[in-house]
Amino acid sequence: MNFVETEEQQALRSAVATLGKRYGHEYTMPRARAREPLTELWAEAGKNGFIGVNLPEQYGGGGAGMYELAIVGEELNA
């Protein structure tokens, strides 16, 4: 098994990291403390195709796998 990320996976990681950094702690912390949803962040993540990255293309997803979905989760949480 190869654990070296492909160029496509690296590009996904970079794109999601860029999105996450735009929102950052200043956006997320007050909402988390108030138990408010991160509506704008999730809307933009969905618009960019990050939410359904692991779903088959015939159902409107990105056609990738669970590894790519993990990348999305890792970078948004970072």
PDB file of N, CA and C in Angstrom:
ATOM      1  N   MET A   1       0.840  -1.175   0.000  1.00  0.00           N
ATOM      2  CA  MET A   1       0.000   0.000   0.000  1.00  0.00           C
ATOM      3  C   MET A   1       0.884   1.235   0.000  1.00  0.00           C
ATOM      4  N   ASN A   2       0.540   2.196  -0.826  1.00  0.00           N
ATOM      5  CA  ASN A   2       1.305   3.427  -0.967  1.00  0.00           C
ATOM      6  C   ASN A   2       0.596   4.561  -0.225  1.00  0.00           C
ATOM      7  N   PHE A   3       1.304   5.186   0.701  1.00  0.00           N
ATOM      8  CA  PHE A   3       0.712   6.273   1.470  1.00  0.00           C
ATOM      9  C   PHE A   3       1.177   7.652   1.014  1.00  0.00           C
ATOM     10  N   VAL A   4       1.840   7.701  -0.129  1.00  0.00           N
ATOM     11  CA  VAL A   4       2.252   8.978  -0.690  1.00  0.00           C
ATOM     12  C   VAL A   4       1.065   9.560  -1.456  1.00  0.00           C
ATOM     13  N   GLU A   5       0.703  10.784  -1.124  1.00  0.00           N
ATOM     14  CA  GLU A   5      -0.461  11.394  -1.770  1.00  0.00           C
ATOM     15  C   GLU A   5      -0.172  11.713  -3.226  1.00  0.00           C
ATOM     16  N   THR A   6      -1.189  11.512  -4.049  1.00  0.00           N
ATOM     17  CA  THR A   6      -1.091  11.853  -5.462  1.00  0.00           C
ATOM     18  C   THR A   6      -1.125  13.373  -5.611  1.00  0.00           C
ATOM     19  N   GLU A   7      -0.809  13.850  -6.793  1.00  0.00           N
ATOM     20  CA  GLU A   7      -0.894  15.296  -7.056  1.00  0.00           C
ATOM     21  C   GLU A   7      -2.321  15.790  -6.877  1.00  0.00           C
ATOM     22  N   GLU A   8      -3.290  14.972  -7.268  1.00  0.00           N
ATOM     23  CA  GLU A   8      -4.706  15.345  -7.114  1.00  0.00           C
ATOM     24  C   GLU A   8      -5.067  15.456  -5.637  1.00  0.00           C
ATOM     25  N   GLN A   9      -4.612  14.538  -4.821  1.00  0.00           N
ATOM     26  CA  GLN A   9      -4.891  14.587  -3.383  1.00  0.00           C
ATOM     27  C   GLN A   9      -4.204  15.791  -2.743  1.00  0.00           C
ATOM     28  N   GLN A  10      -2.994  16.084  -3.160  1.00  0.00           N
ATOM     29  CA  GLN A  10      -2.288  17.251  -2.640  1.00  0.00           C
ATOM     30  C   GLN A  10      -3.009  18.546  -3.027  1.00  0.00           C
ATOM     31  N   ALA A  11      -3.520  18.592  -4.243  1.00  0.00           N
ATOM     32  CA  ALA A  11      -4.270  19.770  -4.696  1.00  0.00           C
ATOM     33  C   ALA A  11      -5.551  19.931  -3.889  1.00  0.00           C
ATOM     34  N   LEU A  12      -6.234  18.812  -3.613  1.00  0.00           N
ATOM     35  CA  LEU A  12      -7.447  18.851  -2.789  1.00  0.00           C
ATOM     36  C   LEU A  12      -7.109  19.370  -1.403  1.00  0.00           C
ATOM     37  N   ARG A  13      -6.055  18.841  -0.815  1.00  0.00           N
ATOM     38  CA  ARG A  13      -5.638  19.266   0.525  1.00  0.00           C
ATOM     39  C   ARG A  13      -5.356  20.778   0.547  1.00  0.00           C
ATOM     40  N   SER A  14      -4.667  21.258  -0.453  1.00  0.00           N
ATOM     41  CA  SER A  14      -4.340  22.682  -0.537  1.00  0.00           C
ATOM     42  C   SER A  14      -5.592  23.539  -0.687  1.00  0.00           C
ATOM     43  N   ALA A  15      -6.510  23.119  -1.529  1.00  0.00           N
ATOM     44  CA  ALA A  15      -7.742  23.886  -1.754  1.00  0.00           C
ATOM     45  C   ALA A  15      -8.601  23.945  -0.499  1.00  0.00           C
ATOM     46  N   VAL A  16      -8.731  22.816   0.189  1.00  0.00           N
ATOM     47  CA  VAL A  16      -9.541  22.791   1.409  1.00  0.00           C
ATOM     48  C   VAL A  16      -8.859  23.594   2.512  1.00  0.00           C
ATOM     49  N   ALA A  17      -7.539  23.507   2.603  1.00  0.00           N
ATOM     50  CA  ALA A  17      -6.801  24.282   3.604  1.00  0.00           C
ATOM     51  C   ALA A  17      -7.000  25.775   3.379  1.00  0.00           C
ATOM     52  N   THR A  18      -6.995  26.195   2.132  1.00  0.00           N
ATOM     53  CA  THR A  18      -7.214  27.603   1.802  1.00  0.00           C
ATOM     54  C   THR A  18      -8.596  28.051   2.267  1.00  0.00           C
ATOM     55  N   LEU A  19      -9.594  27.211   2.028  1.00  0.00           N
ATOM     56  CA  LEU A  19     -10.948  27.532   2.493  1.00  0.00           C
ATOM     57  C   LEU A  19     -10.977  27.628   4.010  1.00  0.00           C
ATOM     58  N   GLY A  20     -10.421  26.650   4.679  1.00  0.00           N
ATOM     59  CA  GLY A  20     -10.425  26.654   6.144  1.00  0.00           C
ATOM     60  C   GLY A  20      -9.733  27.866   6.731  1.00  0.00           C
ATOM     61  N   LYS A  21      -8.633  28.269   6.137  1.00  0.00           N
ATOM     62  CA  LYS A  21      -7.887  29.435   6.639  1.00  0.00           C
ATOM     63  C   LYS A  21      -8.671  30.726   6.464  1.00  0.00           C
ATOM     64  N   ARG A  22      -9.497  30.790   5.444  1.00  0.00           N
ATOM     65  CA  ARG A  22     -10.296  32.002   5.244  1.00  0.00           C
ATOM     66  C   ARG A  22     -11.295  32.201   6.376  1.00  0.00           C
ATOM     67  N   TYR A  23     -11.746  31.124   6.961  1.00  0.00           N
ATOM     68  CA  TYR A  23     -12.702  31.238   8.067  1.00  0.00           C
ATOM     69  C   TYR A  23     -11.975  31.284   9.411  1.00  0.00           C
ATOM     70  N   GLY A  24     -11.077  30.393   9.657  1.00  0.00           N
ATOM     71  CA  GLY A  24     -10.221  30.419  10.838  1.00  0.00           C
ATOM     72  C   GLY A  24     -10.940  30.408  12.173  1.00  0.00           C
ATOM     73  N   HIS A  25     -10.124  30.575  13.221  1.00  0.00           N
ATOM     74  CA  HIS A  25     -10.632  30.517  14.596  1.00  0.00           C
ATOM     75  C   HIS A  25     -11.539  31.697  14.932  1.00  0.00           C
ATOM     76  N   GLU A  26     -11.287  32.845  14.314  1.00  0.00           N
ATOM     77  CA  GLU A  26     -12.117  34.015  14.605  1.00  0.00           C
ATOM     78  C   GLU A  26     -13.577  33.786  14.201  1.00  0.00           C
ATOM     79  N   TYR A  27     -13.757  32.963  13.194  1.00  0.00           N
ATOM     80  CA  TYR A  27     -15.107  32.624  12.737  1.00  0.00           C
ATOM     81  C   TYR A  27     -15.682  31.459  13.540  1.00  0.00           C
ATOM     82  N   THR A  28     -14.884  30.417  13.720  1.00  0.00           N
ATOM     83  CA  THR A  28     -15.425  29.179  14.297  1.00  0.00           C
ATOM     84  C   THR A  28     -15.603  29.212  15.812  1.00  0.00           C
ATOM     85  N   MET A  29     -14.664  29.780  16.535  1.00  0.00           N
ATOM     86  CA  MET A  29     -14.726  29.716  18.001  1.00  0.00           C
ATOM     87  C   MET A  29     -15.976  30.360  18.603  1.00  0.00           C
ATOM     88  N   PRO A  30     -16.336  31.582  18.234  1.00  0.00           N
ATOM     89  CA  PRO A  30     -17.549  32.162  18.826  1.00  0.00           C
ATOM     90  C   PRO A  30     -18.795  31.337  18.513  1.00  0.00           C
ATOM     91  N   ARG A  31     -18.853  30.789  17.306  1.00  0.00           N
ATOM     92  CA  ARG A  31     -20.012  29.982  16.931  1.00  0.00           C
ATOM     93  C   ARG A  31     -20.028  28.662  17.685  1.00  0.00           C
ATOM     94  N   ALA A  32     -18.876  28.062  17.863  1.00  0.00           N
ATOM     95  CA  ALA A  32     -18.799  26.804  18.612  1.00  0.00           C
ATOM     96  C   ALA A  32     -19.224  27.022  20.064  1.00  0.00           C
ATOM     97  N   ARG A  33     -18.751  28.085  20.653  1.00  0.00           N
ATOM     98  CA  ARG A  33     -19.119  28.376  22.049  1.00  0.00           C
ATOM     99  C   ARG A  33     -20.607  28.654  22.194  1.00  0.00           C
ATOM    100  N   ALA A  34     -21.198  29.280  21.185  1.00  0.00           N
ATOM    101  CA  ALA A  34     -22.636  29.578  21.214  1.00  0.00           C
ATOM    102  C   ALA A  34     -23.470  28.429  20.660  1.00  0.00           C
ATOM    103  N   ARG A  35     -22.790  27.337  20.264  1.00  0.00           N
ATOM    104  CA  ARG A  35     -23.463  26.163  19.673  1.00  0.00           C
ATOM    105  C   ARG A  35     -24.259  26.542  18.421  1.00  0.00           C
ATOM    106  N   GLU A  36     -23.669  27.425  17.631  1.00  0.00           N
ATOM    107  CA  GLU A  36     -24.271  27.857  16.374  1.00  0.00           C
ATOM    108  C   GLU A  36     -23.616  27.117  15.215  1.00  0.00           C
ATOM    109  N   PRO A  37     -24.369  26.829  14.172  1.00  0.00           N
ATOM    110  CA  PRO A  37     -23.781  26.122  13.030  1.00  0.00           C
ATOM    111  C   PRO A  37     -22.816  27.012  12.247  1.00  0.00           C
ATOM    112  N   LEU A  38     -21.912  26.363  11.556  1.00  0.00           N
ATOM    113  CA  LEU A  38     -20.940  27.067  10.706  1.00  0.00           C
ATOM    114  C   LEU A  38     -21.495  27.135   9.290  1.00  0.00           C
ATOM    115  N   THR A  39     -22.637  27.754   9.156  1.00  0.00           N
ATOM    116  CA  THR A  39     -23.411  27.755   7.923  1.00  0.00           C
ATOM    117  C   THR A  39     -22.625  28.229   6.709  1.00  0.00           C
ATOM    118  N   GLU A  40     -21.954  29.348   6.826  1.00  0.00           N
ATOM    119  CA  GLU A  40     -21.243  29.900   5.677  1.00  0.00           C
ATOM    120  C   GLU A  40     -20.100  28.989   5.236  1.00  0.00           C
ATOM    121  N   LEU A  41     -19.367  28.467   6.211  1.00  0.00           N
ATOM    122  CA  LEU A  41     -18.253  27.568   5.903  1.00  0.00           C
ATOM    123  C   LEU A  41     -18.747  26.320   5.183  1.00  0.00           C
ATOM    124  N   TRP A  42     -19.785  25.682   5.713  1.00  0.00           N
ATOM    125  CA  TRP A  42     -20.289  24.445   5.109  1.00  0.00           C
ATOM    126  C   TRP A  42     -20.928  24.713   3.756  1.00  0.00           C
ATOM    127  N   ALA A  43     -21.576  25.856   3.605  1.00  0.00           N
ATOM    128  CA  ALA A  43     -22.166  26.199   2.303  1.00  0.00           C
ATOM    129  C   ALA A  43     -21.081  26.338   1.246  1.00  0.00           C
ATOM    130  N   GLU A  44     -19.994  27.005   1.595  1.00  0.00           N
ATOM    131  CA  GLU A  44     -18.904  27.174   0.641  1.00  0.00           C
ATOM    132  C   GLU A  44     -18.196  25.844   0.368  1.00  0.00           C
ATOM    133  N   ALA A  45     -18.039  25.027   1.398  1.00  0.00           N
ATOM    134  CA  ALA A  45     -17.429  23.704   1.204  1.00  0.00           C
ATOM    135  C   ALA A  45     -18.284  22.859   0.265  1.00  0.00           C
ATOM    136  N   GLY A  46     -19.587  22.939   0.416  1.00  0.00           N
ATOM    137  CA  GLY A  46     -20.483  22.214  -0.480  1.00  0.00           C
ATOM    138  C   GLY A  46     -20.442  22.747  -1.893  1.00  0.00           C
ATOM    139  N   LYS A  47     -20.431  24.060  -2.030  1.00  0.00           N
ATOM    140  CA  LYS A  47     -20.377  24.696  -3.347  1.00  0.00           C
ATOM    141  C   LYS A  47     -19.119  24.279  -4.111  1.00  0.00           C
ATOM    142  N   ASN A  48     -18.023  24.111  -3.388  1.00  0.00           N
ATOM    143  CA  ASN A  48     -16.753  23.717  -3.994  1.00  0.00           C
ATOM    144  C   ASN A  48     -16.624  22.205  -4.195  1.00  0.00           C
ATOM    145  N   GLY A  49     -17.641  21.446  -3.814  1.00  0.00           N
ATOM    146  CA  GLY A  49     -17.620  20.006  -4.028  1.00  0.00           C
ATOM    147  C   GLY A  49     -16.878  19.212  -2.977  1.00  0.00           C
ATOM    148  N   PHE A  50     -16.525  19.839  -1.870  1.00  0.00           N
ATOM    149  CA  PHE A  50     -15.756  19.139  -0.847  1.00  0.00           C
ATOM    150  C   PHE A  50     -16.613  18.193  -0.003  1.00  0.00           C
ATOM    151  N   ILE A  51     -17.876  18.505   0.158  1.00  0.00           N
ATOM    152  CA  ILE A  51     -18.730  17.687   1.011  1.00  0.00           C
ATOM    153  C   ILE A  51     -18.981  16.307   0.398  1.00  0.00           C
ATOM    154  N   GLY A  52     -19.264  16.252  -0.864  1.00  0.00           N
ATOM    155  CA  GLY A  52     -19.558  14.981  -1.533  1.00  0.00           C
ATOM    156  C   GLY A  52     -18.399  14.442  -2.337  1.00  0.00           C
ATOM    157  N   VAL A  53     -17.187  14.780  -1.932  1.00  0.00           N
ATOM    158  CA  VAL A  53     -16.008  14.370  -2.699  1.00  0.00           C
ATOM    159  C   VAL A  53     -15.915  12.852  -2.845  1.00  0.00           C
ATOM    160  N   ASN A  54     -16.449  12.109  -1.895  1.00  0.00           N
ATOM    161  CA  ASN A  54     -16.351  10.652  -1.903  1.00  0.00           C
ATOM    162  C   ASN A  54     -17.537   9.949  -2.560  1.00  0.00           C
ATOM    163  N   LEU A  55     -18.538  10.682  -2.956  1.00  0.00           N
ATOM    164  CA  LEU A  55     -19.726  10.065  -3.548  1.00  0.00           C
ATOM    165  C   LEU A  55     -19.514   9.798  -5.035  1.00  0.00           C
ATOM    166  N   PRO A  56     -20.149   8.772  -5.560  1.00  0.00           N
ATOM    167  CA  PRO A  56     -20.008   8.477  -6.996  1.00  0.00           C
ATOM    168  C   PRO A  56     -20.479   9.662  -7.854  1.00  0.00           C
ATOM    169  N   GLU A  57     -19.821   9.833  -8.973  1.00  0.00           N
ATOM    170  CA  GLU A  57     -20.154  10.936  -9.872  1.00  0.00           C
ATOM    171  C   GLU A  57     -21.583  10.860 -10.376  1.00  0.00           C
ATOM    172  N   GLN A  58     -22.103   9.650 -10.584  1.00  0.00           N
ATOM    173  CA  GLN A  58     -23.469   9.531 -11.102  1.00  0.00           C
ATOM    174  C   GLN A  58     -24.513  10.041 -10.105  1.00  0.00           C
ATOM    175  N   TYR A  59     -24.103  10.242  -8.854  1.00  0.00           N
ATOM    176  CA  TYR A  59     -25.013  10.809  -7.855  1.00  0.00           C
ATOM    177  C   TYR A  59     -24.640  12.252  -7.507  1.00  0.00           C
ATOM    178  N   GLY A  60     -23.808  12.856  -8.333  1.00  0.00           N
ATOM    179  CA  GLY A  60     -23.438  14.255  -8.125  1.00  0.00           C
ATOM    180  C   GLY A  60     -22.211  14.467  -7.269  1.00  0.00           C
ATOM    181  N   GLY A  61     -21.510  13.395  -6.930  1.00  0.00           N
ATOM    182  CA  GLY A  61     -20.324  13.518  -6.097  1.00  0.00           C
ATOM    183  C   GLY A  61     -19.062  13.693  -6.907  1.00  0.00           C
ATOM    184  N   GLY A  62     -17.956  13.667  -6.208  1.00  0.00           N
ATOM    185  CA  GLY A  62     -16.664  13.872  -6.843  1.00  0.00           C
ATOM    186  C   GLY A  62     -16.024  12.609  -7.375  1.00  0.00           C
ATOM    187  N   GLY A  63     -16.556  11.447  -7.007  1.00  0.00           N
ATOM    188  CA  GLY A  63     -16.030  10.188  -7.504  1.00  0.00           C
ATOM    189  C   GLY A  63     -14.752   9.727  -6.829  1.00  0.00           C
ATOM    190  N   ALA A  64     -14.348  10.383  -5.758  1.00  0.00           N
ATOM    191  CA  ALA A  64     -13.133   9.986  -5.043  1.00  0.00           C
ATOM    192  C   ALA A  64     -13.504   8.986  -3.947  1.00  0.00           C
ATOM    193  N   GLY A  65     -12.634   8.815  -2.987  1.00  0.00           N
ATOM    194  CA  GLY A  65     -12.878   7.826  -1.944  1.00  0.00           C
ATOM    195  C   GLY A  65     -12.884   8.404  -0.543  1.00  0.00           C
ATOM    196  N   MET A  66     -12.820   7.507   0.418  1.00  0.00           N
ATOM    197  CA  MET A  66     -12.830   7.907   1.820  1.00  0.00           C
ATOM    198  C   MET A  66     -11.553   8.650   2.209  1.00  0.00           C
ATOM    199  N   TYR A  67     -10.454   8.317   1.562  1.00  0.00           N
ATOM    200  CA  TYR A  67      -9.200   9.021   1.853  1.00  0.00           C
ATOM    201  C   TYR A  67      -9.361  10.509   1.549  1.00  0.00           C
ATOM    202  N   GLU A  68      -9.973  10.817   0.412  1.00  0.00           N
ATOM    203  CA  GLU A  68     -10.187  12.211   0.032  1.00  0.00           C
ATOM    204  C   GLU A  68     -11.155  12.902   0.989  1.00  0.00           C
ATOM    205  N   LEU A  69     -12.162  12.177   1.436  1.00  0.00           N
ATOM    206  CA  LEU A  69     -13.080  12.746   2.422  1.00  0.00           C
ATOM    207  C   LEU A  69     -12.343  13.027   3.732  1.00  0.00           C
ATOM    208  N   ALA A  70     -11.413  12.147   4.099  1.00  0.00           N
ATOM    209  CA  ALA A  70     -10.600  12.372   5.299  1.00  0.00           C
ATOM    210  C   ALA A  70      -9.736  13.616   5.138  1.00  0.00           C
ATOM    211  N   ILE A  71      -9.206  13.834   3.947  1.00  0.00           N
ATOM    212  CA  ILE A  71      -8.424  15.046   3.683  1.00  0.00           C
ATOM    213  C   ILE A  71      -9.276  16.283   3.953  1.00  0.00           C
ATOM    214  N   VAL A  72     -10.506  16.262   3.473  1.00  0.00           N
ATOM    215  CA  VAL A  72     -11.413  17.398   3.676  1.00  0.00           C
ATOM    216  C   VAL A  72     -11.617  17.623   5.180  1.00  0.00           C
ATOM    217  N   GLY A  73     -11.909  16.553   5.902  1.00  0.00           N
ATOM    218  CA  GLY A  73     -12.114  16.675   7.353  1.00  0.00           C
ATOM    219  C   GLY A  73     -10.881  17.174   8.076  1.00  0.00           C
ATOM    220  N   GLU A  74      -9.732  16.629   7.722  1.00  0.00           N
ATOM    221  CA  GLU A  74      -8.480  17.039   8.364  1.00  0.00           C
ATOM    222  C   GLU A  74      -8.214  18.525   8.165  1.00  0.00           C
ATOM    223  N   GLU A  75      -8.341  18.970   6.937  1.00  0.00           N
ATOM    224  CA  GLU A  75      -7.996  20.357   6.631  1.00  0.00           C
ATOM    225  C   GLU A  75      -8.999  21.351   7.186  1.00  0.00           C
ATOM    226  N   LEU A  76     -10.276  20.994   7.201  1.00  0.00           N
ATOM    227  CA  LEU A  76     -11.255  21.911   7.788  1.00  0.00           C
ATOM    228  C   LEU A  76     -11.094  21.978   9.304  1.00  0.00           C
ATOM    229  N   ASN A  77     -10.703  20.878   9.903  1.00  0.00           N
ATOM    230  CA  ASN A  77     -10.486  20.878  11.350  1.00  0.00           C
ATOM    231  C   ASN A  77      -9.176  21.555  11.746  1.00  0.00           C
ATOM    232  N   ALA A  78      -8.227  21.553  10.835  1.00  0.00           N
ATOM    233  CA  ALA A  78      -6.935  22.184  11.149  1.00  0.00           C
ATOM    234  C   ALA A  78      -7.129  23.680  11.298  1.00  0.00           C
TER     235      ALA A  78
END
